[in-house]
Protein backbone atom coordinates (compact mmCIF):
# COMPACT_ATOMS: atom_id res chain seq x y z
CA UNK A 1 -107.09 -80.34 26.40
CA UNK A 2 -103.14 -82.19 26.86
CA UNK A 3 -101.07 -80.12 28.19
CA UNK A 4 -98.37 -80.42 25.93
CA UNK A 5 -99.35 -78.87 23.01
CA UNK A 6 -97.50 -75.96 21.24
CA UNK A 7 -98.56 -72.34 22.04
CA UNK A 8 -100.22 -71.67 19.01
CA UNK A 9 -101.88 -74.69 18.97
CA UNK A 10 -103.31 -74.39 22.37
CA UNK A 11 -104.39 -71.03 21.87
CA UNK A 12 -106.20 -71.61 18.59
CA UNK A 13 -107.85 -74.87 20.30
CA UNK A 14 -108.95 -72.71 23.65
CA UNK A 15 -110.42 -70.02 21.04
CA UNK A 16 -112.36 -72.50 19.04
CA UNK A 17 -113.69 -74.18 22.37
CA UNK A 18 -115.05 -70.94 23.74
CA UNK A 19 -116.63 -69.98 20.34
CA UNK A 20 -118.39 -73.29 20.55
CA UNK A 21 -119.54 -72.70 24.58
CA UNK A 22 -122.18 -70.52 23.82
CA UNK A 23 -124.45 -73.07 22.45
CA UNK A 24 -123.70 -75.53 25.15
CA UNK A 25 -125.25 -76.28 28.63
CA UNK A 26 -123.70 -74.65 31.63
CA UNK A 27 -121.26 -77.93 32.55
CA UNK A 28 -119.77 -77.76 29.06
CA UNK A 29 -119.31 -73.81 29.32
CA UNK A 30 -117.57 -74.62 32.80
CA UNK A 31 -115.34 -77.25 31.35
CA UNK A 32 -114.44 -74.88 28.44
CA UNK A 33 -113.94 -71.87 30.59
CA UNK A 34 -111.52 -74.36 32.51
CA UNK A 35 -109.59 -75.31 29.35
CA UNK A 36 -109.54 -72.11 28.08
CA UNK A 37 -107.33 -70.80 31.15
CA UNK A 38 -105.06 -73.47 31.02
CA UNK A 39 -104.21 -72.20 27.53
CA UNK A 40 -103.54 -69.05 28.83
CA UNK A 41 -101.21 -69.88 31.53
CA UNK A 42 -99.32 -71.78 29.03
CA UNK A 43 -99.48 -69.08 26.60
CA UNK A 44 -97.85 -67.01 29.53
CA UNK A 45 -95.41 -69.60 30.22
CA UNK A 46 -94.24 -69.43 26.60
CA UNK A 47 -94.05 -65.64 26.50
CA UNK A 48 -91.66 -65.46 29.59
CA UNK A 49 -89.59 -68.40 27.98
CA UNK A 50 -89.23 -66.23 24.71
CA UNK A 51 -88.61 -62.98 26.36
CA UNK A 52 -85.90 -64.68 28.52
CA UNK A 53 -84.64 -66.68 25.65
CA UNK A 54 -84.39 -63.51 23.48
CA UNK A 55 -82.18 -61.83 26.11
CA UNK A 56 -78.33 -62.23 25.94
CA UNK A 57 -77.31 -63.31 29.21
CA UNK A 58 -74.12 -65.30 28.34
CA UNK A 59 -72.04 -65.37 31.42
CA UNK A 60 -68.95 -63.59 29.70
CA UNK A 61 -70.41 -61.09 27.41
CA UNK A 62 -74.30 -60.65 28.14
CA UNK A 63 -76.15 -58.90 31.02
CA UNK A 64 -78.98 -60.58 33.27
CA UNK A 65 -79.95 -57.27 34.50
CA UNK A 66 -82.25 -56.58 31.64
CA UNK A 67 -83.83 -60.33 32.34
CA UNK A 68 -84.01 -59.71 36.07
CA UNK A 69 -86.12 -56.45 35.54
CA UNK A 70 -88.35 -57.77 33.18
CA UNK A 71 -89.58 -60.18 35.48
CA UNK A 72 -89.90 -58.02 38.06
CA UNK A 73 -91.98 -55.87 35.87
CA UNK A 74 -94.74 -58.86 35.36
CA UNK A 75 -95.06 -59.58 39.15
CA UNK A 76 -95.27 -55.48 39.69
CA UNK A 77 -98.14 -55.53 37.35
CA UNK A 78 -99.66 -58.74 38.57
CA UNK A 79 -100.03 -56.84 42.04
CA UNK A 80 -97.02 -57.92 43.87
CA UNK A 81 -96.08 -55.51 46.44
CA UNK A 82 -92.76 -53.18 45.41
CA UNK A 83 -91.16 -54.60 49.18
CA UNK A 84 -91.70 -58.62 48.01
CA UNK A 85 -90.37 -57.68 43.99
CA UNK A 86 -86.56 -56.89 44.29
CA UNK A 87 -83.73 -56.61 41.77
CA UNK A 88 -80.44 -56.73 43.40
CA UNK A 89 -76.98 -56.07 41.16
CA UNK A 90 -74.06 -56.43 42.62
CA UNK A 91 -72.51 -55.28 39.14
CA UNK A 92 -74.26 -53.37 36.68
CA UNK A 93 -74.32 -56.33 34.38
CA UNK A 94 -75.17 -59.02 37.49
CA UNK A 95 -78.56 -58.55 38.15
CA UNK A 96 -80.76 -61.24 40.35
CA UNK A 97 -84.13 -61.12 41.01
CA UNK A 98 -86.34 -62.21 44.25
CA UNK A 99 -89.50 -62.22 44.60
CA UNK A 100 -91.79 -63.55 47.62
CA UNK A 101 -95.21 -64.39 47.36
CA UNK A 102 -96.88 -64.44 50.74
CA UNK A 103 -98.27 -67.09 52.64
CA UNK A 104 -99.90 -67.76 56.08
CA UNK A 105 -96.10 -68.35 57.49
CA UNK A 106 -97.26 -71.46 59.03
CA UNK A 107 -93.93 -73.17 57.88
CA UNK A 108 -90.55 -71.82 57.15
CA UNK A 109 -90.47 -70.41 53.17
CA UNK A 110 -90.04 -73.03 50.13
CA UNK A 111 -87.19 -71.48 47.89
CA UNK A 112 -87.71 -71.73 43.71
CA UNK A 113 -84.24 -71.51 42.12
CA UNK A 114 -83.37 -70.59 38.77
CA UNK A 115 -80.38 -69.25 36.95
CA UNK A 116 -80.70 -66.56 34.40
CA UNK A 117 -77.11 -66.67 33.15
CA UNK A 118 -76.18 -69.23 30.10
CA UNK A 119 -72.68 -70.14 28.73
CA UNK A 120 -71.99 -68.01 25.57
CA UNK A 121 -73.25 -69.53 22.01
CA UNK A 122 -71.76 -68.00 18.54
CA UNK A 123 -74.36 -67.55 15.53
CA UNK A 124 -71.45 -69.52 13.40
CA UNK A 125 -71.60 -72.71 15.63
CA UNK A 126 -75.25 -73.08 15.17
CA UNK A 127 -77.17 -74.62 12.36
CA UNK A 128 -77.91 -72.06 9.59
CA UNK A 129 -81.47 -71.67 10.27
CA UNK A 130 -81.04 -71.47 14.00
CA UNK A 131 -79.79 -67.88 15.99
CA UNK A 132 -79.01 -68.47 19.67
CA UNK A 133 -80.72 -65.97 20.97
CA UNK A 134 -83.89 -66.30 19.01
CA UNK A 135 -86.65 -68.79 20.24
CA UNK A 136 -87.43 -71.16 17.42
CA UNK A 137 -90.12 -73.73 17.35
CA UNK A 138 -89.66 -76.67 14.74
CA UNK A 139 -90.56 -80.21 14.64
CA UNK A 140 -91.98 -80.40 18.10
CA UNK A 141 -88.82 -78.79 19.85
CA UNK A 142 -87.78 -75.34 21.08
CA UNK A 143 -84.54 -74.30 20.62
CA UNK A 144 -82.69 -71.34 21.58
CA UNK A 145 -79.46 -70.71 24.18
CA UNK A 146 -81.17 -71.58 27.78
CA UNK A 147 -83.69 -73.82 26.46
CA UNK A 148 -82.71 -76.64 28.66
CA UNK A 149 -80.22 -74.83 31.33
CA UNK A 150 -81.99 -73.21 32.95
CA UNK A 151 -84.69 -70.55 31.34
CA UNK A 152 -86.93 -73.34 31.22
CA UNK A 153 -87.26 -73.40 34.83
CA UNK A 154 -87.06 -69.98 35.01
CA UNK A 155 -90.11 -69.04 32.95
CA UNK A 156 -92.21 -71.98 34.72
CA UNK A 157 -91.56 -70.46 38.13
CA UNK A 158 -92.65 -66.98 36.89
CA UNK A 159 -95.61 -68.18 34.90
CA UNK A 160 -96.77 -70.64 37.76
CA UNK A 161 -96.29 -68.00 40.46
CA UNK A 162 -98.19 -65.45 38.53
CA UNK A 163 -101.01 -68.29 37.40
CA UNK A 164 -101.27 -68.76 41.57
CA UNK A 165 -101.92 -65.09 42.29
CA UNK A 166 -104.44 -64.97 39.50
CA UNK A 167 -106.26 -68.14 41.65
CA UNK A 168 -105.74 -65.76 44.77
CA UNK A 169 -104.30 -69.09 46.13
CA UNK A 170 -103.08 -68.76 49.45
CA UNK A 171 -100.03 -71.02 50.72
CA UNK A 172 -99.52 -71.81 54.09
CA UNK A 173 -95.86 -70.48 53.68
CA UNK A 174 -94.25 -67.95 51.81
CA UNK A 175 -92.88 -68.81 48.40
CA UNK A 176 -89.43 -67.23 47.45
CA UNK A 177 -88.37 -67.06 43.63
CA UNK A 178 -84.87 -66.13 42.93
CA UNK A 179 -83.49 -65.95 39.62
CA UNK A 180 -79.56 -65.53 39.36
CA UNK A 181 -76.51 -64.66 37.91
CA UNK A 182 -73.18 -66.07 38.02
CA UNK A 183 -74.26 -69.90 38.17
CA UNK A 184 -72.22 -70.83 35.02
CA UNK A 185 -68.72 -69.89 36.15
CA UNK A 186 -68.97 -66.57 36.74
CA UNK A 187 -67.68 -64.46 39.73
CA UNK A 188 -69.94 -64.71 43.14
CA UNK A 189 -72.76 -62.26 41.98
CA UNK A 190 -75.65 -64.54 42.27
CA UNK A 191 -76.40 -67.16 44.62
CA UNK A 192 -73.22 -66.61 46.87
CA UNK A 193 -73.97 -62.93 46.65
CA UNK A 194 -77.37 -63.47 47.95
CA UNK A 195 -76.53 -65.40 50.56
CA UNK A 196 -73.69 -63.13 51.99
CA UNK A 197 -75.55 -60.00 51.75
CA UNK A 198 -79.18 -61.13 51.57
CA UNK A 199 -79.80 -64.23 53.30
CA UNK A 200 -82.81 -63.29 54.83
CA UNK A 201 -84.69 -62.51 51.28
CA UNK A 202 -83.93 -66.46 50.77
CA UNK A 203 -83.54 -68.19 53.58
CA UNK A 204 -86.02 -71.32 53.12
CA UNK A 205 -86.58 -74.58 54.47
CA UNK A 206 -85.51 -75.99 51.44
CA UNK A 207 -84.79 -74.97 47.76
CA UNK A 208 -86.53 -76.68 44.23
CA UNK A 209 -83.47 -76.28 41.64
CA UNK A 210 -82.35 -77.50 38.66
CA UNK A 211 -80.22 -80.80 38.32
CA UNK A 212 -82.71 -83.46 37.97
CA UNK A 213 -85.34 -84.26 35.68
CA UNK A 214 -86.56 -87.08 33.62
CA UNK A 215 -85.29 -89.72 31.01
CA UNK A 216 -87.12 -90.75 27.89
CA UNK A 217 -86.05 -94.03 26.20
CA UNK A 218 -87.66 -94.59 22.65
CA UNK A 219 -89.82 -91.69 23.22
CA UNK A 220 -91.29 -92.84 26.93
CA UNK A 221 -90.95 -91.56 30.43
CA UNK A 222 -87.93 -93.98 31.74
CA UNK A 223 -87.06 -93.02 35.29
CA UNK A 224 -87.68 -89.35 37.13
CA UNK A 225 -84.35 -88.26 38.86
CA UNK A 226 -84.38 -85.90 41.97
CA UNK A 227 -80.69 -84.37 42.53
CA UNK A 228 -80.22 -84.18 46.00
CA UNK A 229 -76.34 -83.87 46.39
CA UNK A 230 -73.52 -82.71 43.83
CA UNK A 231 -69.66 -83.61 43.55
CA UNK A 232 -67.31 -80.84 44.04
CA UNK A 233 -64.83 -79.34 41.40
CA UNK A 234 -60.92 -79.14 42.05
CA UNK A 235 -58.43 -78.28 39.86
CA UNK A 236 -54.60 -78.88 40.22
CA UNK A 237 -51.69 -78.11 38.55
CA UNK A 238 -49.07 -80.89 37.66
CA UNK A 239 -45.42 -79.25 37.30
CA UNK A 240 -42.19 -80.82 36.13
CA UNK A 241 -39.04 -78.46 35.57
CA UNK A 242 -35.39 -78.62 34.88
CA UNK A 243 -32.57 -76.70 33.61
CA UNK A 244 -33.07 -77.70 30.12
CA UNK A 245 -30.69 -77.41 27.27
CA UNK A 246 -29.94 -77.70 23.62
CA UNK A 247 -32.37 -80.27 21.89
CA UNK A 248 -29.09 -81.73 19.84
CA UNK A 249 -28.04 -83.18 23.19
CA UNK A 250 -30.83 -85.07 24.66
CA UNK A 251 -30.99 -85.04 28.39
CA UNK A 252 -33.08 -88.57 30.20
CA UNK A 253 -34.70 -86.32 32.89
CA UNK A 254 -37.00 -84.42 29.80
CA UNK A 255 -39.60 -82.13 31.42
CA UNK A 256 -42.50 -83.17 29.15
CA UNK A 257 -41.39 -87.35 29.51
CA UNK A 258 -41.87 -86.93 33.29
CA UNK A 259 -45.24 -85.06 33.09
CA UNK A 260 -46.28 -87.37 30.49
CA UNK A 261 -45.19 -90.52 32.71
CA UNK A 262 -47.22 -89.03 35.84
CA UNK A 263 -50.19 -88.00 33.46
CA UNK A 264 -50.21 -91.87 32.66
CA UNK A 265 -50.49 -93.04 36.21
CA UNK A 266 -53.06 -90.42 37.09
CA UNK A 267 -54.84 -92.16 34.36
CA UNK A 268 -54.53 -95.49 35.89
CA UNK A 269 -55.47 -94.50 39.17
CA UNK A 270 -59.00 -95.58 40.24
CA UNK A 271 -60.40 -94.01 43.62
CA UNK A 272 -61.87 -96.18 46.09
CA UNK A 273 -65.77 -96.53 45.89
CA UNK A 274 -67.33 -93.81 47.91
CA UNK A 275 -71.22 -94.21 48.75
CA UNK A 276 -73.58 -91.73 50.58
CA UNK A 277 -77.37 -91.93 51.46
CA UNK A 278 -78.15 -90.26 47.87
CA UNK A 279 -75.84 -92.50 45.98
CA UNK A 280 -76.80 -95.95 47.58
CA UNK A 281 -80.52 -94.71 47.01
CA UNK A 282 -79.62 -94.12 43.30
CA UNK A 283 -78.35 -97.48 42.85
CA UNK A 284 -80.87 -99.34 44.74
CA UNK A 285 -83.30 -97.74 42.32
CA UNK A 286 -81.75 -97.66 38.98
CA UNK A 287 -81.34 -101.41 39.45
CA UNK A 288 -84.94 -101.82 38.66
CA UNK A 289 -84.57 -100.41 35.43
CA UNK A 290 -80.83 -101.92 34.31
CA UNK A 291 -79.97 -105.04 32.42
CA UNK A 292 -80.06 -108.04 35.22
CA UNK A 293 -76.04 -108.19 35.20
CA UNK A 294 -75.78 -104.53 35.95
CA UNK A 295 -78.53 -104.68 38.45
CA UNK A 296 -77.32 -107.31 40.29
CA UNK A 297 -73.73 -105.50 40.87
CA UNK A 298 -75.47 -102.61 41.65
CA UNK A 299 -77.48 -104.37 44.66
CA UNK A 300 -74.20 -105.88 45.41
CA UNK A 301 -72.20 -102.43 45.80
CA UNK A 302 -74.97 -101.05 47.80
CA UNK A 303 -74.36 -104.08 50.13
CA UNK A 304 -70.54 -104.04 50.09
CA UNK A 305 -68.93 -101.00 48.46
CA UNK A 306 -65.67 -102.91 48.52
CA UNK A 307 -66.94 -105.51 46.12
CA UNK A 308 -64.35 -105.44 43.24
CA UNK A 309 -66.26 -107.52 40.88
CA UNK A 310 -68.99 -105.46 41.30
CA UNK A 311 -67.22 -102.47 40.97
CA UNK A 312 -65.49 -103.37 38.09
CA UNK A 313 -68.47 -104.37 36.41
CA UNK A 314 -70.83 -100.91 37.47
CA UNK A 315 -67.13 -98.50 36.25
CA UNK A 316 -67.41 -99.91 32.92
CA UNK A 317 -69.88 -97.18 32.10
CA UNK A 318 -68.60 -94.04 32.81
CA UNK A 319 -71.54 -92.30 33.58
CA UNK A 320 -71.72 -95.25 36.49
CA UNK A 321 -68.31 -94.68 37.72
CA UNK A 322 -68.75 -91.29 38.12
CA UNK A 323 -71.73 -92.17 40.43
CA UNK A 324 -69.18 -94.42 42.40
CA UNK A 325 -66.08 -92.43 43.15
CA UNK A 326 -63.97 -89.51 43.03
CA UNK A 327 -62.86 -89.02 39.53
CA UNK A 328 -59.60 -87.10 38.46
CA UNK A 329 -58.94 -86.51 34.73
CA UNK A 330 -56.25 -84.29 32.77
CA UNK A 331 -57.74 -81.09 31.10
CA UNK A 332 -55.18 -78.85 29.50
CA UNK A 333 -51.24 -79.66 28.93
CA UNK A 334 -48.40 -76.85 28.08
CA UNK A 335 -44.59 -77.64 28.01
CA UNK A 336 -41.67 -76.20 26.65
CA UNK A 337 -40.40 -72.81 24.98
CA UNK A 338 -39.12 -73.28 21.63
CA UNK A 339 -38.71 -76.06 19.04
CA UNK A 340 -34.92 -76.34 19.39
CA UNK A 341 -34.56 -76.14 23.20
CA UNK A 342 -35.42 -79.06 25.95
CA UNK A 343 -38.24 -78.15 27.78
CA UNK A 344 -37.63 -76.26 31.13
CA UNK A 345 -41.29 -76.78 32.29
CA UNK A 346 -44.39 -78.76 31.34
CA UNK A 347 -47.41 -78.36 33.34
CA UNK A 348 -51.15 -80.32 33.12
CA UNK A 349 -54.17 -79.20 34.47
CA UNK A 350 -55.97 -82.09 36.25
CA UNK A 351 -59.49 -81.82 37.14
CA UNK A 352 -60.96 -83.97 39.95
CA UNK A 353 -64.66 -84.00 40.64
CA UNK A 354 -64.82 -85.06 44.49
CA UNK A 355 -67.49 -86.88 46.28
CA UNK A 356 -69.18 -84.86 48.86
CA UNK A 357 -67.66 -83.76 52.07
CA UNK A 358 -64.30 -85.18 50.85
CA UNK A 359 -61.41 -82.81 51.73
CA UNK A 360 -59.56 -81.72 48.82
CA UNK A 361 -56.35 -82.40 50.58
CA UNK A 362 -56.76 -85.86 50.65
CA UNK A 363 -57.43 -86.24 47.13
CA UNK A 364 -54.49 -84.26 46.07
CA UNK A 365 -52.57 -86.70 48.49
CA UNK A 366 -53.88 -89.53 46.59
CA UNK A 367 -52.47 -88.07 43.24
CA UNK A 368 -48.77 -87.60 45.10
CA UNK A 369 -49.04 -91.44 45.92
CA UNK A 370 -50.29 -92.47 42.71
CA UNK A 371 -47.58 -90.56 40.39
CA UNK A 372 -44.75 -91.45 43.19
CA UNK A 373 -42.45 -88.83 41.62
CA UNK A 374 -40.67 -86.26 44.12
CA UNK A 375 -40.06 -84.44 40.66
CA UNK A 376 -43.70 -83.74 40.03
CA UNK A 377 -45.06 -80.70 41.97
CA UNK A 378 -48.62 -80.50 42.62
CA UNK A 379 -50.45 -77.65 43.53
CA UNK A 380 -51.83 -77.04 46.89
CA UNK A 381 -55.67 -78.18 47.29
CA UNK A 382 -58.21 -75.70 47.29
CA UNK A 383 -60.27 -74.64 50.31
CA UNK A 384 -63.87 -75.37 49.46
CA UNK A 385 -66.80 -75.09 51.63
CA UNK A 386 -68.11 -78.53 52.84
CA UNK A 387 -71.60 -79.56 51.07
CA UNK A 388 -73.58 -82.66 52.64
CA UNK A 389 -76.12 -84.45 50.80
CA UNK A 390 -79.86 -83.03 51.54
CA UNK A 391 -81.84 -85.60 53.45
CA UNK A 392 -84.59 -87.35 51.08
CA UNK A 393 -87.42 -85.79 52.88
CA UNK A 394 -90.89 -87.70 52.74
CA UNK A 395 -92.06 -83.84 52.48
CA UNK A 396 -90.96 -84.01 49.24
CA UNK A 397 -90.21 -87.38 47.87
CA UNK A 398 -93.58 -88.54 48.80
CA UNK A 399 -95.78 -86.26 46.09
CA UNK A 400 -92.60 -86.32 43.71
CA UNK A 401 -93.74 -89.79 43.39
CA UNK A 402 -97.43 -89.60 43.35
CA UNK A 403 -97.56 -86.67 40.98
CA UNK A 404 -94.77 -88.67 38.70
CA UNK A 405 -97.04 -91.80 38.48
CA UNK A 406 -100.20 -89.53 37.97
CA UNK A 407 -98.06 -87.41 34.75
CA UNK A 408 -95.81 -90.16 33.45
CA UNK A 409 -96.70 -93.34 34.50
CA UNK A 410 -95.25 -96.43 36.77
CA UNK A 411 -91.52 -95.27 36.63
CA UNK A 412 -89.10 -95.06 39.19
CA UNK A 413 -88.06 -91.97 40.95
CA UNK A 414 -84.64 -91.79 41.40
CA UNK A 415 -82.35 -89.71 43.99
CA UNK A 416 -79.25 -89.01 42.13
CA UNK A 417 -75.93 -87.22 42.85
CA UNK A 418 -74.66 -84.37 40.16
CA UNK A 419 -71.33 -85.22 38.64
CA UNK A 420 -71.53 -81.43 37.43
CA UNK A 421 -72.35 -78.37 39.21
CA UNK A 422 -75.23 -76.34 40.11
CA UNK A 423 -75.51 -73.43 42.64
CA UNK A 424 -77.41 -76.15 45.17
CA UNK A 425 -73.92 -76.66 46.55
CA UNK A 426 -73.53 -73.20 47.77
CA UNK A 427 -77.05 -73.50 49.32
CA UNK A 428 -76.31 -76.78 50.76
CA UNK A 429 -73.34 -75.28 52.24
CA UNK A 430 -75.32 -72.56 53.66
CA UNK A 431 -77.50 -75.17 55.57
CA UNK A 432 -80.26 -74.98 52.83
CA UNK A 433 -81.38 -78.53 51.62
CA UNK A 434 -81.66 -78.28 47.91
CA UNK A 435 -83.39 -81.10 45.05
CA UNK A 436 -83.30 -80.87 41.45
CA UNK A 437 -86.38 -81.80 40.16
CA UNK A 438 -88.04 -80.23 37.36
CA UNK A 439 -90.61 -82.87 35.70
CA UNK A 440 -88.67 -82.08 32.16
CA UNK A 441 -87.94 -84.97 30.63
CA UNK A 442 -85.71 -85.58 27.70
CA UNK A 443 -83.10 -87.81 25.89
CA UNK A 444 -80.22 -88.12 27.98
CA UNK A 445 -78.09 -89.49 24.91
CA UNK A 446 -79.28 -85.69 23.18
CA UNK A 447 -78.20 -84.00 26.06
CA UNK A 448 -77.23 -80.29 24.48
CA UNK A 449 -76.78 -77.51 27.37
CA UNK A 450 -74.03 -75.52 26.68
CA UNK A 451 -73.52 -76.89 22.98
CA UNK A 452 -74.91 -76.63 19.39
CA UNK A 453 -78.47 -76.46 18.98
CA UNK A 454 -79.53 -76.15 22.52
CA UNK A 455 -83.47 -77.64 22.52
CA UNK A 456 -86.12 -78.97 24.83
CA UNK A 457 -89.13 -80.65 23.37
CA UNK A 458 -92.78 -78.43 23.52
CA UNK A 459 -94.28 -81.52 25.31
CA UNK A 460 -91.55 -81.53 27.80
CA UNK A 461 -91.94 -77.71 28.42
CA UNK A 462 -95.56 -77.85 29.24
CA UNK A 463 -95.60 -81.34 31.01
CA UNK A 464 -92.41 -79.60 33.39
CA UNK A 465 -94.94 -76.35 33.83
CA UNK A 466 -97.77 -78.24 35.07
CA UNK A 467 -95.66 -81.11 37.29
CA UNK A 468 -93.92 -77.85 39.02
CA UNK A 469 -97.02 -76.16 39.38
CA UNK A 470 -98.80 -79.43 40.98
CA UNK A 471 -96.06 -80.00 43.23
CA UNK A 472 -95.52 -76.02 44.73
CA UNK A 473 -98.77 -76.62 45.69
CA UNK A 474 -98.50 -79.88 47.23
CA UNK A 475 -95.21 -78.35 49.39
CA UNK A 476 -96.93 -75.41 50.14
CA UNK A 477 -100.44 -76.78 51.52
CA UNK A 478 -100.96 -78.24 54.84
CA UNK A 479 -103.91 -80.21 53.25
CA UNK A 480 -103.52 -82.34 50.76
CA UNK A 481 -104.22 -80.77 46.99
CA UNK A 482 -106.83 -82.20 45.01
């Protein structure tokens, strides 16, 4: 039975298979039982997914505590010791759940990480037939807030660990599941809280997290990405100020004009190319699926990051430009205090996405030089923890590549640097290498996380479930899993 069928279809087919099994020989009965088990496993994943989607865990107005408690209840009912299922609530509405699946202890644990909080969604912003906090299945899609970011991985991890428990699987290392709060920009009540106050509960050799996944092109798998590093976000406030005056007597040193000129210089400034092991591997492997001219430029930039021609060609595509270098962009603007007065102050926020391990003060100084106006004040650089790229471990990359070929065809596995942010940065800063890998495929031109009508392909959800099930067994078995 294909692993991507919708839950109601899977259950119906499984039931029919079981009814027919009585008239078949022993081998057929065994095959039917196996199919029925797979259907039950998928049904469980769907039920957990639905339960989580239909809890409002929005970072601003919702609560992750009920979701954490619901997950804990499932593990306790499955026979996990109470000491291995902990709900941790640094604040009443900021619940986290940490589950430990005991293994033989031959190696340091594997951490499975997903976040329970989501970005707020207003019912009025979504299509009339869709409620963001109801899981709706329609036309081969699951709709709902968090279907992509990040309750799919949370539900899959829960269902897969319960499946392993039912199978009485004994891993060679402990498997830790952490479902957390505050990934979507809230206070430090999630991963950072766990690292600070409960490091022993989540300490691991490395972690599997969101941030990676597969791309579809014309509905077919195109490549599979593994996130192994990410940029760091930093905001700088630019301020122009003077004594102002009456608007009937304009002055040449208008604060708004001065700020506008400074922002124009920021827009024209381009940071130098700065590659690391992950982005070099990204361009090397992406070259295998790009147009010949872009592919040649990617190979050239890996050989020589100072190749200005190659950099210019690659930079023409914003998604590749952001992989090459630090970027800064104006995101907010304010100025003046009255319609008939010269502005005394004009301010702008410039958001920078900084390549790993680059000091924010270096970025600030680059902005100072680019603007070249001592009358523009630029706020201090924030203090940020360093977050080195995670090494591309053969222990992880080899099974990811093999399982990708087996399940999705002969497509490249591409290490990548996220230009956005995940909790992986906090783990890396704490010395826990972290990898975004999921087996969840989607169209990169139809990304709806954080937006209207967020959705996940039904097929992708169940394919990702099977991929992560196999991968976790690979990573927790001394001997290869058949």
